[in-house]
Structures are given as C-alpha cells and as structure tokens.
Amino acid sequence: MGSKKIPQTLNGHFSLVLIITIMMVTHSHGFQLEIRNELSGRYRRLVYKCWSRDNDLGWREDWPDQHKDWSFAMSLFHTFFHCNFHTGYGRVDKQLVVSWEMKEQCGDRDKCTWVVKKDGLYLRQWKTKFFSNKYGNERWNEYVQHDVLQEAWS
C-alpha cells in the first residue's frame, strides 16, 4: 500500500523517449551562414577559411558579387565558426557565433549573412516592412537590409 509503481508503459522506455526528444529539439532547426564579397576599389579579391568544431570548410577565394553559404543544423546552444579573412585592405580573424540571439540580430530569416566591404566585415541585418494599398485590402511585406560594421581590417 505504501509503494507506488511506475506505469508499465513508461517503465524502461521513459529515458529513451527523453533522449530522442532532446536530440530532436537540439538539432531540428536548419540554418544558413552566408559570406558575401562586396569589395570595391583596387583590391577586390577575398580569400578566407572557415571552420567549426565539427567541420573544416576549407579555403575559398571569391571575387566581387560572389558568395558562399553553408547549411547546418543549429543546436540549442551555440555553433561557433572561426574564419580568417584576407583582402588587399587587411585581414580579420573573427569568431562568427551562430546562436538563437544571433539569429534575432540577423533578422526574421533562416540565414545569417556576413558581408566583406572595403572598410571591414559587416553583419547584414534584415528588417521586415509591411505595406498595404490605400484601401487596406491588399497587404505585402518586404525585407530591407541594413549592414552593421562588426570589425575593421587590421
């Protein structure tokens, strides 16, 4: 009378269900990291290498208007990418932190865009603007970009 038993349906299976649920929550959201070359002037070539704890994304060379993006599952915590950027204007060694907070800074999209310009490395933020016609019966939205300097060339 004094002891309570775990129901038979949960006995032994509860921990398995808990582990599967945690794995689904921590790795179920896809995300993209994009690097764009928007250099102008004489030195327009961008050479960079990026890697994370799990992946070495290798060396890349981009010219203006070229870009590279990577898709990955974002964990519940943080995903760190380390990148070395080299241009004729200087270099930057930057840790790109992709996390839920960074996703909010990037805007309401599933992509975080880093832009290389003449004066440094920028994070492209997106804002959503909502529009409607003068009668209010048609509505649409547009994404408007805003680049924020994260680190100047050294």
N, C-alpha and C. Protein backbone atom coordinates (compact mmCIF):
# COMPACT_ATOMS: atom_id res chain seq x y z
N MET A 1 0.81 -1.18 0.00
CA MET A 1 0.00 0.00 0.00
C MET A 1 0.86 1.25 0.00
N GLY A 2 2.07 1.19 0.55
CA GLY A 2 2.92 2.37 0.65
C GLY A 2 3.81 2.60 -0.55
N SER A 3 3.89 1.69 -1.48
CA SER A 3 4.78 1.89 -2.63
C SER A 3 3.97 2.15 -3.89
N LYS A 4 4.51 3.09 -4.69
CA LYS A 4 3.86 3.40 -5.96
C LYS A 4 4.76 2.88 -7.07
N LYS A 5 4.17 2.32 -8.08
CA LYS A 5 4.94 1.78 -9.19
C LYS A 5 4.81 2.68 -10.40
N ILE A 6 5.88 2.70 -11.20
CA ILE A 6 5.84 3.41 -12.47
C ILE A 6 4.94 2.62 -13.40
N PRO A 7 4.05 3.28 -14.12
CA PRO A 7 3.19 2.53 -15.04
C PRO A 7 4.03 1.72 -16.03
N GLN A 8 3.51 0.58 -16.42
CA GLN A 8 4.24 -0.36 -17.28
C GLN A 8 4.63 0.28 -18.61
N THR A 9 3.83 1.19 -19.15
CA THR A 9 4.13 1.79 -20.45
C THR A 9 5.36 2.69 -20.39
N LEU A 10 5.67 3.26 -19.24
CA LEU A 10 6.83 4.14 -19.12
C LEU A 10 8.06 3.42 -18.59
N ASN A 11 7.88 2.26 -17.99
CA ASN A 11 8.98 1.55 -17.37
C ASN A 11 10.03 1.17 -18.40
N GLY A 12 11.22 1.74 -18.30
CA GLY A 12 12.31 1.42 -19.20
C GLY A 12 12.28 2.20 -20.50
N HIS A 13 11.14 2.70 -20.91
CA HIS A 13 11.04 3.43 -22.17
C HIS A 13 11.10 4.94 -21.97
N PHE A 14 10.91 5.38 -20.75
CA PHE A 14 10.87 6.82 -20.49
C PHE A 14 12.19 7.49 -20.83
N SER A 15 13.30 6.89 -20.43
CA SER A 15 14.60 7.50 -20.71
C SER A 15 14.88 7.54 -22.20
N LEU A 16 14.47 6.54 -22.95
CA LEU A 16 14.67 6.52 -24.40
C LEU A 16 13.86 7.64 -25.06
N VAL A 17 12.61 7.81 -24.65
CA VAL A 17 11.77 8.87 -25.18
C VAL A 17 12.37 10.24 -24.84
N LEU A 18 12.89 10.41 -23.64
CA LEU A 18 13.50 11.67 -23.23
C LEU A 18 14.73 11.98 -24.07
N ILE A 19 15.59 11.01 -24.31
CA ILE A 19 16.80 11.22 -25.12
C ILE A 19 16.43 11.59 -26.55
N ILE A 20 15.49 10.90 -27.14
CA ILE A 20 15.07 11.21 -28.52
C ILE A 20 14.47 12.60 -28.60
N THR A 21 13.67 12.99 -27.62
CA THR A 21 13.08 14.32 -27.61
C THR A 21 14.14 15.40 -27.52
N ILE A 22 15.12 15.23 -26.66
CA ILE A 22 16.21 16.21 -26.52
C ILE A 22 16.98 16.32 -27.82
N MET A 23 17.27 15.21 -28.47
CA MET A 23 18.00 15.24 -29.73
C MET A 23 17.21 15.96 -30.81
N MET A 24 15.91 15.76 -30.85
CA MET A 24 15.09 16.43 -31.87
C MET A 24 15.04 17.93 -31.63
N VAL A 25 14.95 18.34 -30.38
CA VAL A 25 14.88 19.77 -30.07
C VAL A 25 16.20 20.46 -30.36
N THR A 26 17.32 19.81 -30.04
CA THR A 26 18.61 20.48 -30.19
C THR A 26 19.14 20.48 -31.61
N HIS A 27 18.65 19.63 -32.49
CA HIS A 27 19.20 19.58 -33.84
C HIS A 27 18.16 19.60 -34.94
N SER A 28 17.02 20.17 -34.68
CA SER A 28 15.96 20.09 -35.68
C SER A 28 15.83 21.36 -36.52
N HIS A 29 16.48 22.44 -36.17
CA HIS A 29 16.30 23.69 -36.87
C HIS A 29 17.46 23.93 -37.83
N GLY A 30 17.14 24.00 -39.12
CA GLY A 30 18.16 24.29 -40.13
C GLY A 30 18.47 25.78 -40.16
N PHE A 31 19.68 26.09 -40.56
CA PHE A 31 20.12 27.47 -40.60
C PHE A 31 21.19 27.60 -41.66
N GLN A 32 21.35 28.79 -42.21
CA GLN A 32 22.38 29.04 -43.22
C GLN A 32 23.29 30.16 -42.77
N LEU A 33 24.58 29.99 -43.06
CA LEU A 33 25.59 31.02 -42.85
C LEU A 33 26.07 31.41 -44.23
N GLU A 34 26.06 32.70 -44.54
CA GLU A 34 26.46 33.18 -45.86
C GLU A 34 27.56 34.22 -45.72
N ILE A 35 28.56 34.15 -46.62
CA ILE A 35 29.62 35.15 -46.69
C ILE A 35 29.59 35.73 -48.09
N ARG A 36 29.47 37.06 -48.19
CA ARG A 36 29.36 37.76 -49.48
C ARG A 36 30.54 38.70 -49.66
N ASN A 37 31.09 38.74 -50.86
CA ASN A 37 32.16 39.67 -51.21
C ASN A 37 31.53 40.87 -51.89
N GLU A 38 31.57 42.02 -51.21
CA GLU A 38 31.09 43.27 -51.78
C GLU A 38 32.21 44.31 -51.76
N LEU A 39 33.44 43.83 -51.99
CA LEU A 39 34.59 44.73 -52.03
C LEU A 39 34.54 45.59 -53.29
N SER A 40 35.02 46.82 -53.15
CA SER A 40 35.13 47.72 -54.29
C SER A 40 36.53 48.32 -54.29
N GLY A 41 36.89 48.92 -55.39
CA GLY A 41 38.22 49.54 -55.46
C GLY A 41 39.22 48.61 -56.10
N ARG A 42 40.47 48.88 -55.83
CA ARG A 42 41.56 48.15 -56.49
C ARG A 42 41.71 46.71 -55.99
N TYR A 43 41.59 46.52 -54.68
CA TYR A 43 41.80 45.19 -54.08
C TYR A 43 40.44 44.54 -53.83
N ARG A 44 40.01 43.72 -54.76
CA ARG A 44 38.65 43.18 -54.67
C ARG A 44 38.61 41.69 -54.40
N ARG A 45 39.74 41.05 -54.34
CA ARG A 45 39.77 39.60 -54.11
C ARG A 45 39.67 39.32 -52.62
N LEU A 46 38.87 38.35 -52.26
CA LEU A 46 38.69 37.93 -50.87
C LEU A 46 39.13 36.47 -50.76
N VAL A 47 40.02 36.19 -49.81
CA VAL A 47 40.44 34.83 -49.52
C VAL A 47 40.09 34.58 -48.05
N TYR A 48 39.44 33.45 -47.78
CA TYR A 48 39.05 33.17 -46.40
C TYR A 48 38.98 31.67 -46.16
N LYS A 49 39.09 31.33 -44.89
CA LYS A 49 38.95 29.96 -44.45
C LYS A 49 38.07 29.96 -43.21
N CYS A 50 37.11 29.06 -43.18
CA CYS A 50 36.21 28.94 -42.03
C CYS A 50 36.17 27.50 -41.55
N TRP A 51 35.98 27.34 -40.25
CA TRP A 51 35.86 26.01 -39.68
C TRP A 51 35.05 26.10 -38.39
N SER A 52 34.46 24.98 -38.05
CA SER A 52 33.75 24.85 -36.77
C SER A 52 34.40 23.71 -36.02
N ARG A 53 33.84 23.39 -34.88
CA ARG A 53 34.38 22.27 -34.10
C ARG A 53 34.25 20.96 -34.87
N ASP A 54 33.20 20.85 -35.66
CA ASP A 54 32.92 19.61 -36.37
C ASP A 54 33.39 19.59 -37.82
N ASN A 55 33.47 20.75 -38.46
CA ASN A 55 33.73 20.80 -39.90
C ASN A 55 34.82 21.81 -40.24
N ASP A 56 35.68 21.43 -41.19
CA ASP A 56 36.63 22.37 -41.78
C ASP A 56 36.07 22.71 -43.15
N LEU A 57 35.66 23.96 -43.33
CA LEU A 57 35.01 24.36 -44.57
C LEU A 57 36.02 24.74 -45.65
N GLY A 58 37.30 24.75 -45.33
CA GLY A 58 38.36 24.93 -46.33
C GLY A 58 38.60 26.38 -46.72
N TRP A 59 39.65 26.56 -47.54
CA TRP A 59 39.99 27.88 -48.08
C TRP A 59 39.12 28.17 -49.29
N ARG A 60 38.78 29.42 -49.45
CA ARG A 60 37.96 29.87 -50.58
C ARG A 60 38.47 31.19 -51.09
N GLU A 61 38.30 31.42 -52.38
CA GLU A 61 38.64 32.70 -53.00
C GLU A 61 37.42 33.20 -53.74
N ASP A 62 36.97 34.39 -53.40
CA ASP A 62 35.80 34.99 -54.05
C ASP A 62 36.16 36.35 -54.61
N TRP A 63 35.51 36.67 -55.71
CA TRP A 63 35.61 37.99 -56.33
C TRP A 63 34.31 38.72 -56.05
N PRO A 64 34.23 40.03 -56.32
CA PRO A 64 33.00 40.78 -56.02
C PRO A 64 31.75 40.12 -56.59
N ASP A 65 30.69 40.22 -55.85
CA ASP A 65 29.38 39.67 -56.16
C ASP A 65 29.34 38.14 -56.09
N GLN A 66 30.37 37.52 -55.58
CA GLN A 66 30.32 36.08 -55.33
C GLN A 66 30.02 35.87 -53.85
N HIS A 67 29.41 34.74 -53.57
CA HIS A 67 29.09 34.42 -52.18
C HIS A 67 29.14 32.92 -51.98
N LYS A 68 29.22 32.52 -50.75
CA LYS A 68 29.22 31.11 -50.36
C LYS A 68 28.32 30.98 -49.15
N ASP A 69 27.49 29.95 -49.15
CA ASP A 69 26.67 29.71 -47.96
C ASP A 69 26.73 28.25 -47.58
N TRP A 70 26.56 28.02 -46.30
CA TRP A 70 26.58 26.69 -45.72
C TRP A 70 25.29 26.48 -44.94
N SER A 71 24.73 25.31 -45.06
CA SER A 71 23.55 24.94 -44.28
C SER A 71 23.98 23.95 -43.21
N PHE A 72 23.40 24.10 -42.05
CA PHE A 72 23.71 23.20 -40.94
C PHE A 72 22.57 23.22 -39.95
N ALA A 73 22.54 22.21 -39.10
CA ALA A 73 21.56 22.16 -38.02
C ALA A 73 22.11 22.96 -36.85
N MET A 74 21.31 23.88 -36.36
CA MET A 74 21.74 24.73 -35.27
C MET A 74 21.34 24.09 -33.95
N SER A 75 22.28 23.98 -33.04
CA SER A 75 21.98 23.35 -31.76
C SER A 75 21.21 24.32 -30.88
N LEU A 76 20.75 23.81 -29.77
CA LEU A 76 20.00 24.62 -28.82
C LEU A 76 20.88 25.69 -28.21
N PHE A 77 22.17 25.47 -28.18
CA PHE A 77 23.10 26.39 -27.53
C PHE A 77 23.78 27.27 -28.58
N HIS A 78 25.04 27.06 -28.90
CA HIS A 78 25.77 27.88 -29.86
C HIS A 78 26.48 27.00 -30.87
N THR A 79 26.66 27.53 -32.05
CA THR A 79 27.54 26.94 -33.04
C THR A 79 28.58 28.01 -33.35
N PHE A 80 29.84 27.68 -33.19
CA PHE A 80 30.91 28.64 -33.41
C PHE A 80 31.59 28.35 -34.73
N PHE A 81 31.74 29.37 -35.56
CA PHE A 81 32.55 29.29 -36.76
C PHE A 81 33.70 30.26 -36.59
N HIS A 82 34.89 29.81 -36.86
CA HIS A 82 36.06 30.67 -36.82
C HIS A 82 36.46 30.92 -38.27
N CYS A 83 36.73 32.16 -38.62
CA CYS A 83 37.07 32.49 -40.00
C CYS A 83 38.27 33.43 -40.03
N ASN A 84 39.15 33.19 -40.99
CA ASN A 84 40.26 34.10 -41.28
C ASN A 84 39.98 34.72 -42.64
N PHE A 85 39.86 36.06 -42.67
CA PHE A 85 39.58 36.78 -43.90
C PHE A 85 40.83 37.56 -44.30
N HIS A 86 41.20 37.48 -45.59
CA HIS A 86 42.35 38.20 -46.11
C HIS A 86 41.93 38.98 -47.35
N THR A 87 42.22 40.28 -47.36
CA THR A 87 41.96 41.13 -48.52
C THR A 87 43.18 42.03 -48.72
N GLY A 88 43.19 42.80 -49.81
CA GLY A 88 44.24 43.77 -50.03
C GLY A 88 44.18 44.93 -49.05
N TYR A 89 43.07 45.06 -48.34
CA TYR A 89 42.89 46.14 -47.37
C TYR A 89 43.32 45.73 -45.96
N GLY A 90 43.53 44.45 -45.73
CA GLY A 90 43.93 43.97 -44.42
C GLY A 90 43.35 42.60 -44.16
N ARG A 91 43.37 42.22 -42.89
CA ARG A 91 42.85 40.91 -42.52
C ARG A 91 42.05 41.00 -41.24
N VAL A 92 41.21 40.02 -41.04
CA VAL A 92 40.41 39.91 -39.83
C VAL A 92 40.35 38.44 -39.46
N ASP A 93 40.61 38.14 -38.21
CA ASP A 93 40.37 36.82 -37.66
C ASP A 93 39.15 36.96 -36.76
N LYS A 94 38.06 36.34 -37.13
CA LYS A 94 36.79 36.58 -36.46
C LYS A 94 36.14 35.26 -36.09
N GLN A 95 35.58 35.23 -34.91
CA GLN A 95 34.75 34.10 -34.49
C GLN A 95 33.31 34.49 -34.77
N LEU A 96 32.68 33.79 -35.68
CA LEU A 96 31.29 34.05 -36.01
C LEU A 96 30.45 33.13 -35.15
N VAL A 97 29.71 33.69 -34.24
CA VAL A 97 28.89 32.91 -33.33
C VAL A 97 27.49 32.84 -33.90
N VAL A 98 27.04 31.64 -34.16
CA VAL A 98 25.68 31.46 -34.64
C VAL A 98 24.89 30.86 -33.49
N SER A 99 23.94 31.62 -33.01
CA SER A 99 23.12 31.17 -31.89
C SER A 99 21.73 31.75 -32.07
N TRP A 100 20.85 31.44 -31.18
CA TRP A 100 19.50 31.98 -31.29
C TRP A 100 19.51 33.50 -31.16
N GLU A 101 20.41 34.06 -30.33
CA GLU A 101 20.49 35.52 -30.21
C GLU A 101 20.98 36.13 -31.52
N MET A 102 21.95 35.50 -32.17
CA MET A 102 22.47 36.00 -33.43
C MET A 102 21.40 35.90 -34.51
N LYS A 103 20.59 34.87 -34.46
CA LYS A 103 19.51 34.73 -35.43
C LYS A 103 18.55 35.91 -35.33
N GLU A 104 18.30 36.38 -34.13
CA GLU A 104 17.45 37.55 -33.95
C GLU A 104 18.12 38.80 -34.50
N GLN A 105 19.46 38.92 -34.34
CA GLN A 105 20.17 40.07 -34.89
C GLN A 105 20.16 40.06 -36.41
N CYS A 106 20.21 38.88 -37.01
CA CYS A 106 20.24 38.77 -38.47
C CYS A 106 18.88 39.10 -39.08
N GLY A 107 17.84 38.96 -38.35
CA GLY A 107 16.51 39.26 -38.86
C GLY A 107 15.65 38.02 -38.83
N ASP A 108 14.45 38.17 -39.29
CA ASP A 108 13.50 37.07 -39.21
C ASP A 108 13.62 36.16 -40.44
N ARG A 109 14.83 35.72 -40.71
CA ARG A 109 15.11 34.80 -41.80
C ARG A 109 15.95 33.66 -41.26
N ASP A 110 16.09 32.61 -42.05
CA ASP A 110 16.88 31.46 -41.62
C ASP A 110 18.29 31.53 -42.19
N LYS A 111 18.79 32.76 -42.38
CA LYS A 111 20.12 32.94 -42.93
C LYS A 111 20.81 34.10 -42.22
N CYS A 112 22.06 33.91 -41.87
CA CYS A 112 22.87 34.97 -41.28
C CYS A 112 23.94 35.33 -42.31
N THR A 113 23.95 36.57 -42.78
CA THR A 113 24.84 36.98 -43.85
C THR A 113 25.93 37.90 -43.31
N TRP A 114 27.19 37.53 -43.60
CA TRP A 114 28.35 38.35 -43.28
C TRP A 114 28.86 38.93 -44.59
N VAL A 115 29.06 40.25 -44.63
CA VAL A 115 29.42 40.94 -45.84
C VAL A 115 30.81 41.55 -45.69
N VAL A 116 31.67 41.30 -46.67
CA VAL A 116 33.02 41.85 -46.68
C VAL A 116 33.02 43.08 -47.58
N LYS A 117 33.37 44.24 -46.98
CA LYS A 117 33.43 45.50 -47.72
C LYS A 117 34.80 46.13 -47.57
N LYS A 118 34.99 47.25 -48.22
CA LYS A 118 36.29 47.92 -48.27
C LYS A 118 36.82 48.29 -46.89
N ASP A 119 35.94 48.61 -45.95
CA ASP A 119 36.40 49.05 -44.64
C ASP A 119 36.25 48.00 -43.54
N GLY A 120 35.78 46.80 -43.86
CA GLY A 120 35.72 45.77 -42.83
C GLY A 120 34.66 44.72 -43.06
N LEU A 121 34.40 43.98 -41.99
CA LEU A 121 33.44 42.88 -42.00
C LEU A 121 32.13 43.34 -41.38
N TYR A 122 31.04 43.14 -42.08
CA TYR A 122 29.72 43.60 -41.66
C TYR A 122 28.78 42.43 -41.42
N LEU A 123 27.85 42.63 -40.52
CA LEU A 123 26.74 41.70 -40.33
C LEU A 123 25.53 42.34 -40.99
N ARG A 124 24.92 41.61 -41.93
CA ARG A 124 23.74 42.14 -42.62
C ARG A 124 22.50 41.80 -41.80
N GLN A 125 21.82 42.84 -41.40
CA GLN A 125 20.58 42.66 -40.64
C GLN A 125 19.40 42.96 -41.55
N TRP A 126 18.32 42.24 -41.34
CA TRP A 126 17.13 42.40 -42.17
C TRP A 126 15.97 42.83 -41.29
N LYS A 127 15.26 43.81 -41.77
CA LYS A 127 14.05 44.28 -41.11
C LYS A 127 12.88 44.01 -42.05
N THR A 128 11.76 43.68 -41.50
CA THR A 128 10.57 43.45 -42.31
C THR A 128 9.71 44.71 -42.26
N LYS A 129 9.38 45.23 -43.43
CA LYS A 129 8.45 46.36 -43.53
C LYS A 129 7.16 45.86 -44.15
N PHE A 130 6.06 46.25 -43.55
CA PHE A 130 4.75 45.82 -44.03
C PHE A 130 4.10 46.98 -44.77
N PHE A 131 3.52 46.68 -45.92
CA PHE A 131 2.86 47.68 -46.75
C PHE A 131 1.44 47.24 -47.04
N SER A 132 0.60 48.21 -47.36
CA SER A 132 -0.76 47.90 -47.82
C SER A 132 -1.18 48.99 -48.79
N ASN A 133 -2.16 48.68 -49.63
CA ASN A 133 -2.64 49.70 -50.55
C ASN A 133 -3.50 50.71 -49.78
N LYS A 134 -3.92 51.75 -50.45
CA LYS A 134 -4.64 52.82 -49.75
C LYS A 134 -5.99 52.38 -49.22
N TYR A 135 -6.53 51.28 -49.71
CA TYR A 135 -7.81 50.78 -49.22
C TYR A 135 -7.64 49.79 -48.08
N GLY A 136 -6.44 49.31 -47.89
CA GLY A 136 -6.16 48.39 -46.80
C GLY A 136 -6.56 46.94 -47.06
N ASN A 137 -7.00 46.64 -48.28
CA ASN A 137 -7.43 45.27 -48.54
C ASN A 137 -6.34 44.40 -49.16
N GLU A 138 -5.20 44.98 -49.52
CA GLU A 138 -4.06 44.21 -50.00
C GLU A 138 -2.86 44.54 -49.14
N ARG A 139 -2.19 43.50 -48.67
CA ARG A 139 -1.01 43.70 -47.82
C ARG A 139 0.13 42.86 -48.34
N TRP A 140 1.35 43.37 -48.16
CA TRP A 140 2.54 42.62 -48.52
C TRP A 140 3.69 43.09 -47.65
N ASN A 141 4.74 42.31 -47.61
CA ASN A 141 5.89 42.70 -46.82
C ASN A 141 7.15 42.63 -47.67
N GLU A 142 8.13 43.42 -47.30
CA GLU A 142 9.43 43.42 -47.96
C GLU A 142 10.52 43.39 -46.91
N TYR A 143 11.62 42.73 -47.26
CA TYR A 143 12.78 42.72 -46.39
C TYR A 143 13.70 43.86 -46.79
N VAL A 144 14.14 44.64 -45.81
CA VAL A 144 15.04 45.75 -46.05
C VAL A 144 16.32 45.46 -45.31
N GLN A 145 17.46 45.57 -46.02
CA GLN A 145 18.75 45.23 -45.41
C GLN A 145 19.41 46.45 -44.78
N HIS A 146 20.18 46.17 -43.73
CA HIS A 146 20.94 47.18 -43.03
C HIS A 146 22.24 46.53 -42.57
N ASP A 147 23.39 47.03 -43.03
CA ASP A 147 24.68 46.43 -42.69
C ASP A 147 25.30 47.15 -41.51
N VAL A 148 25.78 46.37 -40.54
CA VAL A 148 26.39 46.92 -39.33
C VAL A 148 27.85 46.44 -39.27
N LEU A 149 28.78 47.39 -39.19
CA LEU A 149 30.20 47.05 -39.11
C LEU A 149 30.50 46.28 -37.83
N GLN A 150 31.11 45.11 -37.98
CA GLN A 150 31.47 44.29 -36.83
C GLN A 150 32.96 44.41 -36.48
N GLU A 151 33.80 44.47 -37.52
CA GLU A 151 35.24 44.58 -37.25
C GLU A 151 35.93 45.18 -38.47
N ALA A 152 36.78 46.19 -38.22
CA ALA A 152 37.54 46.83 -39.30
C ALA A 152 38.78 46.01 -39.61
N TRP A 153 39.35 46.22 -40.79
CA TRP A 153 40.56 45.50 -41.19
C TRP A 153 41.74 45.91 -40.32
N SER A 154 42.61 44.97 -40.03
CA SER A 154 43.81 45.29 -39.25
C SER A 154 45.05 45.07 -40.08
